[in-house]
Amino acid sequence: MSVIQVNAQKLMGLDRRMWPIIMMIGLFGWIVMKDIRMPSEILGVFAAMGLLGLFMTSVGSPELGLYVLIAYLPFSRELVGDFGTDAYAFNLTNILTLWVFGAYVLNRSGKGKGLFQGSPLSNVILLFCALGGASLIRAGFEHGSWYIWEFVTPLKRWLTPIFFFYLALWIVEDRRVLKSAAVLIMITVGIVALMAIRDYMNAGTGSLEKTRVGAIADQPNMLAAFFVYYMFLFLGFFLTLKKSSLKTWFFLVPFLMSFRGIMVTFSRGGYLGFAAGGLGACWHKSKILFIIACAALAFAIANPWVLPKGVQYRMGMTVKSHAALGEGVVAESLDESAGNRIRIWRGAIAMVKDYPWWGVGYGAFPGYIGSYTAGEFPQVDAHNSYLLIAAEMGIPTLIVFVLVIGVGWYQARWLYIRTKDVTLRAIALGMLAGIEGLLVVNMFGSRMDDQAVSSYFWILLGLVMRGVLIEREELRQAVKVV
């Protein structure tokens, strides 16, 4: 074990067994970067051997399965793992998820312990999932059975990352596993940032669309959302740990790499989400720091020359006609991409007014939006998660979704304020900033329905809730002793 690994273990009390998982993350990243394709027969043999070994070890230690799942999820779009069968629901994500859950069930049953532990967030998330399923079933009565068969698989893909919240909450039982899981997420985010930077360097010159990097998400705006959600974990450690230690400053390296990752996506929503998350992190850490950050942002807006060239270029192309903007014609004053979003949002709002309670049905928005935009935008996404949820599943479901985010934010805030564990405090701060960035990013796109992008959010939410439960149990024990 290297000196760096030993120091990290002493600093945060990490699980020694996570180091082979780090090698696995590097291997996944290398395979994706090199675009290596193995024969399905060989891949199947290695996968079967690996899954068998994982299952045998995970029965005794379910957290090992969670570590492997964390290592794989961001690469799941590129490394599907269907082994060339194209069989329904037969892919590595589903296999791993069932494998890990099965090992956990056997472990708990063998110890005579209950399988499921609740949390203040568990039932709220369950209600959100139930409303999503009800939306599909209700719309099935209106559209016919073909609709249910067509959209039940997309709904399952949408719900799978949410299940990871429960998996993380149930499997993680102590601080060591919690911290190790969070660190594995951070390491993966750093590797994905390196991959994005490399892709941009190899892209060469050309039009904006050709130079924008999608990497693991295959879509630039999605990749930008990925960084906004998770990059503030690095900033959380930097702001929380003592600045006198050289190790603290090393956290700025992957943070800046992730910011560079956002830059190479040329995503305006990503820029705004980064600003929101950064301001949020400063606010939670220190009100003085927040004021300084606001002043710096205001100066940058007033003097765009201080911003990176890519950010200047991308933000500068947003407004194409200041005259039209002055006359209040917003959509016509913006560039084509931003202007079209405004027009689609107007159609989505009209759709919500017509179907306020249950919406038009999960996945049905693209089929309806054409009639609300005079046929101008048939078969398009809402480009706004909140409008999409309200239009497809109804306003009550949107309220529950916002409640999920709000309760998650509140619990992360509670953990950040109450815990004396420096590492947990840093994780909670990073999660708080990530949630605040998430709220902004999803105003400009539907960024919660991609497994490679959103899975870590739900896992981190589960880790935060486990941290809250650990802290509250220790507080109860302390009160009993007194």
Protein backbone atom coordinates (compact mmCIF):
# COMPACT_ATOMS: atom_id res chain seq x y z
CA MET A 1 0.00 0.00 0.00
CA SER A 2 1.41 3.39 -0.96
CA VAL A 3 2.17 6.22 1.46
CA ILE A 4 -0.71 8.26 -0.02
CA GLN A 5 -3.14 5.41 0.59
CA VAL A 6 -1.94 4.98 4.18
CA ASN A 7 -2.31 8.72 4.83
CA ALA A 8 -5.81 8.75 3.33
CA GLN A 9 -6.78 5.79 5.47
CA LYS A 10 -5.53 7.47 8.63
CA LEU A 11 -7.20 10.75 7.67
CA MET A 12 -10.67 9.39 7.02
CA GLY A 13 -10.72 5.84 8.39
CA LEU A 14 -11.30 4.18 5.03
CA ASP A 15 -11.88 0.53 4.17
CA ARG A 16 -8.64 -1.10 3.00
CA ARG A 17 -10.62 -3.31 0.63
CA MET A 18 -11.51 -0.32 -1.51
CA TRP A 19 -8.10 -0.13 -3.20
CA PRO A 20 -8.75 -2.98 -5.68
CA ILE A 21 -12.03 -1.21 -6.48
CA ILE A 22 -10.04 1.90 -7.38
CA MET A 23 -8.05 -0.20 -9.83
CA MET A 24 -11.35 -1.44 -11.24
CA ILE A 25 -12.53 2.16 -11.77
CA GLY A 26 -9.31 2.90 -13.62
CA LEU A 27 -9.79 -0.21 -15.74
CA PHE A 28 -13.35 0.78 -16.69
CA GLY A 29 -12.15 4.26 -17.63
CA TRP A 30 -9.31 2.86 -19.72
CA ILE A 31 -11.63 0.45 -21.58
CA VAL A 32 -14.05 3.28 -22.39
CA MET A 33 -11.29 5.67 -23.50
CA LYS A 34 -9.65 3.06 -25.71
CA ASP A 35 -13.04 1.86 -26.98
CA ILE A 36 -11.99 -1.75 -26.44
CA ARG A 37 -14.44 -4.37 -27.68
CA MET A 38 -14.09 -7.91 -26.37
CA PRO A 39 -15.84 -10.94 -27.90
CA SER A 40 -19.09 -11.56 -26.05
CA GLU A 41 -18.09 -15.17 -25.27
CA ILE A 42 -14.86 -14.14 -23.53
CA LEU A 43 -16.57 -11.25 -21.80
CA GLY A 44 -19.32 -13.59 -20.58
CA VAL A 45 -16.82 -16.03 -19.06
CA PHE A 46 -14.94 -13.28 -17.20
CA ALA A 47 -18.19 -11.68 -16.05
CA ALA A 48 -19.57 -14.98 -14.75
CA MET A 49 -16.38 -15.68 -12.79
CA GLY A 50 -16.30 -12.15 -11.42
CA LEU A 51 -19.98 -12.17 -10.43
CA LEU A 52 -19.61 -15.53 -8.70
CA GLY A 53 -16.63 -14.29 -6.71
CA LEU A 54 -18.44 -11.05 -5.92
CA PHE A 55 -21.52 -12.89 -4.70
CA MET A 56 -19.50 -15.19 -2.45
CA THR A 57 -17.59 -12.32 -0.85
CA SER A 58 -20.62 -10.01 -0.68
CA VAL A 59 -22.68 -12.48 1.36
CA GLY A 60 -20.20 -11.92 4.19
CA SER A 61 -19.60 -8.26 3.37
CA PRO A 62 -22.44 -6.67 1.33
CA GLU A 63 -20.55 -3.40 1.17
CA LEU A 64 -18.10 -4.95 -1.30
CA GLY A 65 -20.94 -5.34 -3.77
CA LEU A 66 -21.90 -1.71 -3.24
CA TYR A 67 -18.30 -0.66 -3.94
CA VAL A 68 -18.32 -2.57 -7.24
CA LEU A 69 -21.67 -1.05 -8.19
CA ILE A 70 -20.28 2.43 -7.52
CA ALA A 71 -17.26 1.66 -9.70
CA TYR A 72 -19.42 0.52 -12.60
CA LEU A 73 -22.46 2.83 -12.72
CA PRO A 74 -20.96 5.91 -14.46
CA PHE A 75 -19.66 3.65 -17.22
CA SER A 76 -22.90 1.68 -17.59
CA ARG A 77 -23.95 3.53 -20.75
CA GLU A 78 -20.70 2.64 -22.52
CA LEU A 79 -20.21 -0.79 -20.92
CA VAL A 80 -23.77 -2.09 -21.10
CA GLY A 81 -22.82 -5.69 -20.46
CA ASP A 82 -25.59 -7.48 -22.34
CA PHE A 83 -22.97 -9.94 -23.64
CA GLY A 84 -24.37 -9.70 -27.16
CA THR A 85 -27.67 -11.34 -26.21
CA ASP A 86 -29.99 -8.31 -26.58
CA ALA A 87 -32.26 -10.12 -24.09
CA TYR A 88 -34.87 -8.01 -22.32
CA ALA A 89 -33.51 -6.45 -19.08
CA PHE A 90 -30.38 -8.61 -19.31
CA ASN A 91 -27.53 -6.21 -18.68
CA LEU A 92 -24.77 -5.74 -16.15
CA THR A 93 -26.59 -3.01 -14.21
CA ASN A 94 -29.58 -5.23 -13.49
CA ILE A 95 -27.41 -8.26 -12.81
CA LEU A 96 -25.15 -6.36 -10.40
CA THR A 97 -28.09 -4.74 -8.63
CA LEU A 98 -29.85 -8.06 -8.07
CA TRP A 99 -26.52 -9.69 -7.12
CA VAL A 100 -25.76 -7.04 -4.49
CA PHE A 101 -29.31 -6.99 -3.14
CA GLY A 102 -29.42 -10.79 -2.97
CA ALA A 103 -26.12 -10.94 -1.08
CA TYR A 104 -27.41 -8.31 1.34
CA VAL A 105 -30.63 -10.28 1.98
CA LEU A 106 -28.69 -13.49 2.65
CA ASN A 107 -26.30 -11.65 4.96
CA ARG A 108 -29.07 -10.08 7.03
CA SER A 109 -31.12 -13.28 7.13
CA GLY A 110 -28.08 -15.25 8.28
CA LYS A 111 -27.57 -12.82 11.15
CA GLY A 112 -31.26 -12.86 12.07
CA LYS A 113 -31.59 -9.12 11.46
CA GLY A 114 -34.39 -7.24 9.77
CA LEU A 115 -33.89 -6.50 6.10
CA PHE A 116 -35.01 -2.91 5.80
CA GLN A 117 -34.37 0.17 7.89
CA GLY A 118 -36.36 3.32 7.30
CA SER A 119 -35.30 6.94 7.30
CA PRO A 120 -37.03 10.33 7.22
CA LEU A 121 -36.64 10.29 3.43
CA SER A 122 -37.57 6.69 2.60
CA ASN A 123 -41.34 7.04 2.47
CA VAL A 124 -41.21 10.31 0.55
CA ILE A 125 -39.10 8.71 -2.18
CA LEU A 126 -41.37 5.67 -2.19
CA LEU A 127 -44.40 7.94 -2.68
CA PHE A 128 -42.67 9.65 -5.60
CA CYS A 129 -41.96 6.29 -7.25
CA ALA A 130 -45.53 5.14 -6.63
CA LEU A 131 -46.95 8.25 -8.25
CA GLY A 132 -44.70 7.70 -11.26
CA GLY A 133 -45.95 4.14 -11.61
CA ALA A 134 -49.55 5.27 -11.16
CA SER A 135 -49.05 7.80 -13.95
CA LEU A 136 -48.05 5.00 -16.32
CA ILE A 137 -51.00 2.80 -15.37
CA ARG A 138 -53.55 5.61 -15.53
CA ALA A 139 -52.32 6.73 -18.94
CA GLY A 140 -52.51 3.10 -20.06
CA PHE A 141 -56.27 3.17 -19.66
CA GLU A 142 -56.39 6.23 -21.90
CA HIS A 143 -53.85 5.28 -24.56
CA GLY A 144 -54.21 1.51 -24.56
CA SER A 145 -52.09 -1.47 -23.52
CA TRP A 146 -49.48 -0.70 -26.21
CA TYR A 147 -48.54 2.40 -24.24
CA ILE A 148 -47.80 0.44 -21.07
CA TRP A 149 -45.68 -2.13 -22.93
CA GLU A 150 -43.74 0.61 -24.69
CA PHE A 151 -42.98 2.72 -21.64
CA VAL A 152 -42.72 0.22 -18.80
CA THR A 153 -39.03 -0.36 -19.62
CA PRO A 154 -38.14 3.38 -19.72
CA LEU A 155 -40.00 3.78 -16.42
CA LYS A 156 -37.97 0.94 -14.92
CA ARG A 157 -34.74 2.59 -16.12
CA TRP A 158 -35.92 5.83 -14.51
CA LEU A 159 -36.68 4.09 -11.19
CA THR A 160 -33.51 1.95 -11.03
CA PRO A 161 -31.17 4.78 -9.90
CA ILE A 162 -33.70 5.72 -7.21
CA PHE A 163 -33.47 2.18 -5.84
CA PHE A 164 -29.78 2.79 -5.21
CA PHE A 165 -30.82 5.18 -2.42
CA TYR A 166 -32.32 2.26 -0.52
CA LEU A 167 -29.43 -0.04 -1.38
CA ALA A 168 -26.89 2.43 0.04
CA LEU A 169 -29.05 3.16 3.10
CA TRP A 170 -29.52 -0.53 3.94
CA ILE A 171 -26.03 -1.84 3.20
CA VAL A 172 -23.98 0.92 4.83
CA GLU A 173 -23.95 0.44 8.60
CA ASP A 174 -20.93 2.37 9.85
CA ARG A 175 -18.82 5.43 9.19
CA ARG A 176 -15.98 3.50 7.59
CA VAL A 177 -18.11 2.08 4.79
CA LEU A 178 -19.95 5.38 4.35
CA LYS A 179 -16.72 7.31 3.92
CA SER A 180 -15.20 4.68 1.65
CA ALA A 181 -18.25 4.73 -0.65
CA ALA A 182 -18.13 8.53 -0.86
CA VAL A 183 -14.39 8.50 -1.63
CA LEU A 184 -14.93 5.94 -4.40
CA ILE A 185 -17.50 8.28 -5.93
CA MET A 186 -15.01 11.15 -5.76
CA ILE A 187 -12.26 9.09 -7.38
CA THR A 188 -14.60 8.10 -10.20
CA VAL A 189 -15.63 11.72 -10.78
CA GLY A 190 -11.94 12.67 -11.02
CA ILE A 191 -11.29 9.92 -13.57
CA VAL A 192 -14.33 10.98 -15.63
CA ALA A 193 -12.98 14.56 -15.58
CA LEU A 194 -9.66 13.32 -16.97
CA MET A 195 -11.52 11.38 -19.66
CA ALA A 196 -13.51 14.47 -20.67
CA ILE A 197 -10.39 16.64 -20.88
CA ARG A 198 -8.64 13.98 -22.96
CA ASP A 199 -11.61 13.70 -25.33
CA TYR A 200 -11.57 17.45 -25.85
CA MET A 201 -7.85 17.49 -26.55
CA ASN A 202 -8.33 14.76 -29.16
CA ALA A 203 -11.41 16.38 -30.73
CA GLY A 204 -9.43 18.82 -32.82
CA THR A 205 -11.05 21.90 -34.31
CA GLY A 206 -14.43 22.32 -35.92
CA SER A 207 -17.91 23.54 -35.14
CA LEU A 208 -19.10 24.01 -31.58
CA GLU A 209 -21.27 20.89 -31.68
CA LYS A 210 -18.35 18.75 -32.86
CA THR A 211 -16.01 19.97 -30.12
CA ARG A 212 -18.48 19.61 -27.25
CA VAL A 213 -17.64 16.57 -25.13
CA GLY A 214 -20.23 14.03 -23.95
CA ALA A 215 -17.87 11.32 -22.59
CA ILE A 216 -19.64 8.79 -20.36
CA ALA A 217 -23.03 10.45 -20.84
CA ASP A 218 -22.80 10.68 -24.65
CA GLN A 219 -24.39 14.13 -24.31
CA PRO A 220 -22.55 17.34 -23.30
CA ASN A 221 -25.31 18.83 -21.14
CA MET A 222 -25.72 15.55 -19.27
CA LEU A 223 -21.97 15.37 -18.65
CA ALA A 224 -22.00 18.93 -17.30
CA ALA A 225 -24.81 17.94 -14.92
CA PHE A 226 -22.73 14.97 -13.75
CA PHE A 227 -19.89 17.28 -12.72
CA VAL A 228 -22.20 19.83 -11.08
CA TYR A 229 -23.84 17.13 -8.96
CA TYR A 230 -20.64 15.63 -7.57
CA MET A 231 -17.64 17.96 -7.99
CA PHE A 232 -18.49 19.91 -4.84
CA LEU A 233 -17.52 16.90 -2.74
CA PHE A 234 -13.93 17.97 -3.44
CA LEU A 235 -14.71 21.55 -2.47
CA GLY A 236 -16.45 20.31 0.66
CA PHE A 237 -13.23 18.64 1.82
CA PHE A 238 -11.15 21.67 0.89
CA LEU A 239 -13.38 24.07 2.82
CA THR A 240 -13.71 21.77 5.83
CA LEU A 241 -10.20 20.43 6.41
CA LYS A 242 -7.40 22.47 7.92
CA LYS A 243 -5.60 24.60 5.33
CA SER A 244 -2.31 24.10 7.14
CA SER A 245 -2.17 20.56 5.75
CA LEU A 246 -0.79 20.13 2.24
CA LYS A 247 -3.23 17.25 1.66
CA THR A 248 -6.13 19.68 1.95
CA TRP A 249 -4.93 21.66 -1.06
CA PHE A 250 -4.77 18.52 -3.19
CA PHE A 251 -8.58 18.46 -3.21
CA LEU A 252 -8.53 21.54 -5.42
CA VAL A 253 -6.89 19.56 -8.22
CA PRO A 254 -9.85 17.24 -9.01
CA PHE A 255 -12.24 20.12 -8.33
CA LEU A 256 -10.56 22.26 -10.99
CA MET A 257 -10.36 19.25 -13.31
CA SER A 258 -14.12 18.84 -12.94
CA PHE A 259 -14.64 22.52 -13.71
CA ARG A 260 -12.55 22.03 -16.82
CA GLY A 261 -14.83 19.09 -17.57
CA ILE A 262 -17.81 21.44 -17.49
CA MET A 263 -15.99 23.89 -19.73
CA VAL A 264 -15.38 21.32 -22.48
CA THR A 265 -19.12 20.55 -22.57
CA PHE A 266 -19.88 24.21 -23.39
CA SER A 267 -23.09 23.79 -21.37
CA ARG A 268 -24.66 27.05 -20.25
CA GLY A 269 -26.86 25.18 -17.78
CA GLY A 270 -23.69 23.59 -16.41
CA TYR A 271 -22.08 27.00 -15.93
CA LEU A 272 -25.11 28.32 -14.05
CA GLY A 273 -25.37 25.14 -11.97
CA PHE A 274 -21.69 25.45 -11.06
CA ALA A 275 -22.23 29.07 -9.97
CA ALA A 276 -25.22 28.07 -7.83
CA GLY A 277 -23.36 25.19 -6.21
CA GLY A 278 -20.27 27.28 -5.58
CA LEU A 279 -22.26 30.08 -3.97
CA GLY A 280 -24.16 27.51 -1.91
CA ALA A 281 -20.96 25.92 -0.62
CA CYS A 282 -19.64 29.34 0.38
CA TRP A 283 -22.92 30.22 2.11
CA HIS A 284 -22.91 27.08 4.25
CA LYS A 285 -19.24 27.48 5.15
CA SER A 286 -19.17 31.19 5.94
CA LYS A 287 -21.41 34.16 5.27
CA ILE A 288 -18.31 36.31 4.77
CA LEU A 289 -17.01 33.85 2.20
CA PHE A 290 -20.43 33.97 0.52
CA ILE A 291 -20.30 37.76 0.27
CA ILE A 292 -16.82 37.57 -1.23
CA ALA A 293 -17.98 34.94 -3.75
CA CYS A 294 -21.01 37.08 -4.70
CA ALA A 295 -18.75 40.10 -5.21
CA ALA A 296 -16.40 38.02 -7.38
CA LEU A 297 -19.32 36.74 -9.46
CA ALA A 298 -20.73 40.25 -9.89
CA PHE A 299 -17.30 41.48 -11.00
CA ALA A 300 -17.02 38.63 -13.51
CA ILE A 301 -20.45 39.43 -14.96
CA ALA A 302 -19.55 43.10 -15.28
CA ASN A 303 -16.12 42.25 -16.69
CA PRO A 304 -16.48 39.10 -18.82
CA TRP A 305 -12.82 39.30 -19.89
CA VAL A 306 -11.83 37.69 -16.56
CA LEU A 307 -13.79 34.53 -17.43
CA PRO A 308 -12.25 31.64 -19.37
CA LYS A 309 -12.48 32.15 -23.14
CA GLY A 310 -14.79 29.16 -23.62
CA VAL A 311 -17.25 30.47 -21.04
CA GLN A 312 -17.15 33.95 -22.59
CA TYR A 313 -17.85 32.54 -26.03
CA ARG A 314 -20.68 30.23 -25.00
CA MET A 315 -22.49 32.71 -22.76
CA GLY A 316 -21.91 35.55 -25.22
CA MET A 317 -23.76 33.76 -28.00
CA THR A 318 -26.94 33.44 -25.91
CA VAL A 319 -28.40 36.85 -26.75
CA LYS A 320 -28.46 37.57 -30.48
CA SER A 321 -30.67 40.66 -30.46
CA HIS A 322 -30.52 43.14 -27.59
CA ALA A 323 -33.10 45.28 -29.34
CA ALA A 324 -35.70 42.50 -29.25
CA LEU A 325 -34.82 41.80 -25.62
CA GLY A 326 -35.39 45.43 -24.79
CA GLU A 327 -38.84 45.18 -26.35
CA GLY A 328 -39.65 42.18 -24.15
CA VAL A 329 -39.60 39.60 -26.95
CA VAL A 330 -37.52 37.08 -25.02
CA ALA A 331 -37.56 33.99 -27.29
CA GLU A 332 -36.81 36.03 -30.40
CA SER A 333 -33.88 37.79 -28.73
CA LEU A 334 -32.04 34.56 -27.87
CA ASP A 335 -30.02 32.18 -30.01
CA GLU A 336 -31.84 29.25 -31.60
CA SER A 337 -31.14 26.74 -28.81
CA ALA A 338 -32.20 29.04 -25.96
CA GLY A 339 -35.11 30.51 -27.92
CA ASN A 340 -36.50 27.07 -28.72
CA ARG A 341 -36.36 26.17 -25.05
CA ILE A 342 -38.56 29.16 -24.22
CA ARG A 343 -41.10 28.11 -26.85
CA ILE A 344 -41.13 24.50 -25.62
CA TRP A 345 -41.57 25.67 -22.02
CA ARG A 346 -44.60 27.71 -23.02
CA GLY A 347 -46.11 24.62 -24.62
CA ALA A 348 -45.28 22.55 -21.54
CA ILE A 349 -46.98 25.07 -19.26
CA ALA A 350 -50.10 24.93 -21.42
CA MET A 351 -49.98 21.12 -21.23
CA VAL A 352 -49.77 21.24 -17.44
CA LYS A 353 -52.81 23.52 -17.34
CA ASP A 354 -54.80 20.97 -19.36
CA TYR A 355 -53.61 17.94 -17.34
CA PRO A 356 -52.79 19.32 -13.87
CA TRP A 357 -53.48 16.26 -11.69
CA TRP A 358 -52.09 13.19 -13.44
CA GLY A 359 -50.37 14.62 -16.51
CA VAL A 360 -50.38 13.00 -19.94
CA GLY A 361 -48.52 9.90 -18.74
CA TYR A 362 -44.92 8.94 -18.23
CA GLY A 363 -42.93 9.28 -21.46
CA ALA A 364 -45.85 10.81 -23.37
CA PHE A 365 -44.60 14.42 -23.39
CA PRO A 366 -42.86 14.20 -26.81
CA GLY A 367 -46.06 12.90 -28.38
CA TYR A 368 -48.14 15.77 -27.01
CA ILE A 369 -45.83 18.79 -27.25
CA GLY A 370 -46.28 19.16 -31.02
CA SER A 371 -49.94 20.07 -30.59
CA TYR A 372 -49.00 22.70 -28.00
CA THR A 373 -46.37 24.35 -30.23
CA ALA A 374 -48.37 24.50 -33.46
CA GLY A 375 -46.43 21.50 -34.74
CA GLU A 376 -43.12 23.38 -34.48
CA PHE A 377 -41.52 20.99 -31.97
CA PRO A 378 -42.83 17.44 -32.37
CA GLN A 379 -41.16 14.64 -30.41
CA VAL A 380 -38.86 16.80 -28.28
CA ASP A 381 -37.87 16.79 -24.63
CA ALA A 382 -39.19 19.43 -22.23
CA HIS A 383 -35.65 20.72 -21.47
CA ASN A 384 -36.82 21.28 -17.89
CA SER A 385 -37.17 18.50 -15.31
CA TYR A 386 -39.84 20.28 -13.30
CA LEU A 387 -42.06 20.99 -16.28
CA LEU A 388 -41.51 17.46 -17.59
CA ILE A 389 -42.58 15.85 -14.31
CA ALA A 390 -45.61 18.13 -14.01
CA ALA A 391 -46.64 17.59 -17.64
CA GLU A 392 -46.22 13.81 -17.61
CA MET A 393 -47.11 12.91 -14.03
CA GLY A 394 -49.04 15.88 -12.69
CA ILE A 395 -48.47 18.76 -10.30
CA PRO A 396 -48.86 16.58 -7.14
CA THR A 397 -46.00 14.37 -8.33
CA LEU A 398 -43.86 17.46 -8.96
CA ILE A 399 -44.61 18.65 -5.43
CA VAL A 400 -43.48 15.29 -4.03
CA PHE A 401 -40.30 15.41 -6.16
CA VAL A 402 -39.48 18.88 -4.83
CA LEU A 403 -40.23 17.54 -1.34
CA VAL A 404 -37.72 14.71 -1.90
CA ILE A 405 -35.03 17.23 -2.84
CA GLY A 406 -36.04 19.55 0.01
CA VAL A 407 -35.96 16.83 2.67
CA GLY A 408 -32.63 15.57 1.32
CA TRP A 409 -31.24 19.10 1.53
CA TYR A 410 -32.55 19.56 5.07
CA GLN A 411 -31.04 16.27 6.26
CA ALA A 412 -27.68 17.07 4.65
CA ARG A 413 -27.78 20.47 6.33
CA TRP A 414 -28.57 18.84 9.68
CA LEU A 415 -25.63 16.46 9.28
CA TYR A 416 -23.30 19.29 8.28
CA ILE A 417 -24.22 21.36 11.35
CA ARG A 418 -24.46 18.59 13.96
CA THR A 419 -21.67 16.13 13.20
CA LYS A 420 -18.23 16.48 14.73
CA ASP A 421 -16.79 13.99 12.25
CA VAL A 422 -14.78 16.15 9.84
CA THR A 423 -15.13 13.72 6.93
CA LEU A 424 -18.91 13.42 7.29
CA ARG A 425 -19.11 17.19 7.52
CA ALA A 426 -17.17 17.56 4.27
CA ILE A 427 -19.40 15.01 2.51
CA ALA A 428 -22.53 16.78 3.76
CA LEU A 429 -21.23 20.15 2.56
CA GLY A 430 -20.44 18.74 -0.87
CA MET A 431 -23.90 17.18 -1.05
CA LEU A 432 -25.58 20.46 -0.08
CA ALA A 433 -23.77 22.36 -2.82
CA GLY A 434 -24.47 19.56 -5.30
CA ILE A 435 -28.20 19.68 -4.56
CA GLU A 436 -28.25 23.44 -5.05
CA GLY A 437 -26.43 23.06 -8.36
CA LEU A 438 -28.83 20.26 -9.32
CA LEU A 439 -31.84 22.52 -8.75
CA VAL A 440 -30.47 25.04 -11.25
CA VAL A 441 -29.19 22.55 -13.85
CA ASN A 442 -32.58 20.87 -14.06
CA MET A 443 -34.24 24.16 -14.94
CA PHE A 444 -32.54 23.96 -18.32
CA GLY A 445 -32.81 20.26 -19.09
CA SER A 446 -34.07 16.88 -17.96
CA ARG A 447 -30.97 15.73 -16.11
CA MET A 448 -32.39 13.17 -13.66
CA ASP A 449 -33.37 10.36 -16.01
CA ASP A 450 -29.94 9.11 -17.09
CA GLN A 451 -28.54 6.23 -15.06
CA ALA A 452 -24.89 7.08 -15.66
CA VAL A 453 -25.49 10.65 -14.47
CA SER A 454 -28.05 10.44 -11.66
CA SER A 455 -27.18 7.16 -9.87
CA TYR A 456 -24.53 8.73 -7.66
CA PHE A 457 -27.00 11.38 -6.50
CA TRP A 458 -29.31 8.74 -5.03
CA ILE A 459 -26.41 6.80 -3.52
CA LEU A 460 -25.07 9.96 -1.88
CA LEU A 461 -28.56 10.73 -0.59
CA GLY A 462 -28.61 7.26 0.98
CA LEU A 463 -25.15 7.84 2.49
CA VAL A 464 -26.23 11.16 3.95
CA MET A 465 -29.31 9.58 5.49
CA ARG A 466 -27.17 6.78 6.97
CA GLY A 467 -24.87 9.47 8.40
CA VAL A 468 -27.88 11.20 9.96
CA LEU A 469 -29.11 7.92 11.48
CA ILE A 470 -25.64 7.18 12.88
CA GLU A 471 -25.36 10.63 14.44
CA ARG A 472 -28.86 10.49 15.94
CA GLU A 473 -28.26 7.05 17.43
CA GLU A 474 -25.02 8.26 19.03
CA LEU A 475 -26.86 11.29 20.42
CA ARG A 476 -29.51 8.99 21.93
CA GLN A 477 -26.82 6.80 23.48
CA ALA A 478 -25.07 9.84 24.92
CA VAL A 479 -28.32 11.02 26.51
CA LYS A 480 -28.87 7.59 28.09
CA VAL A 481 -25.36 7.62 29.58
CA VAL A 482 -25.92 11.07 31.09
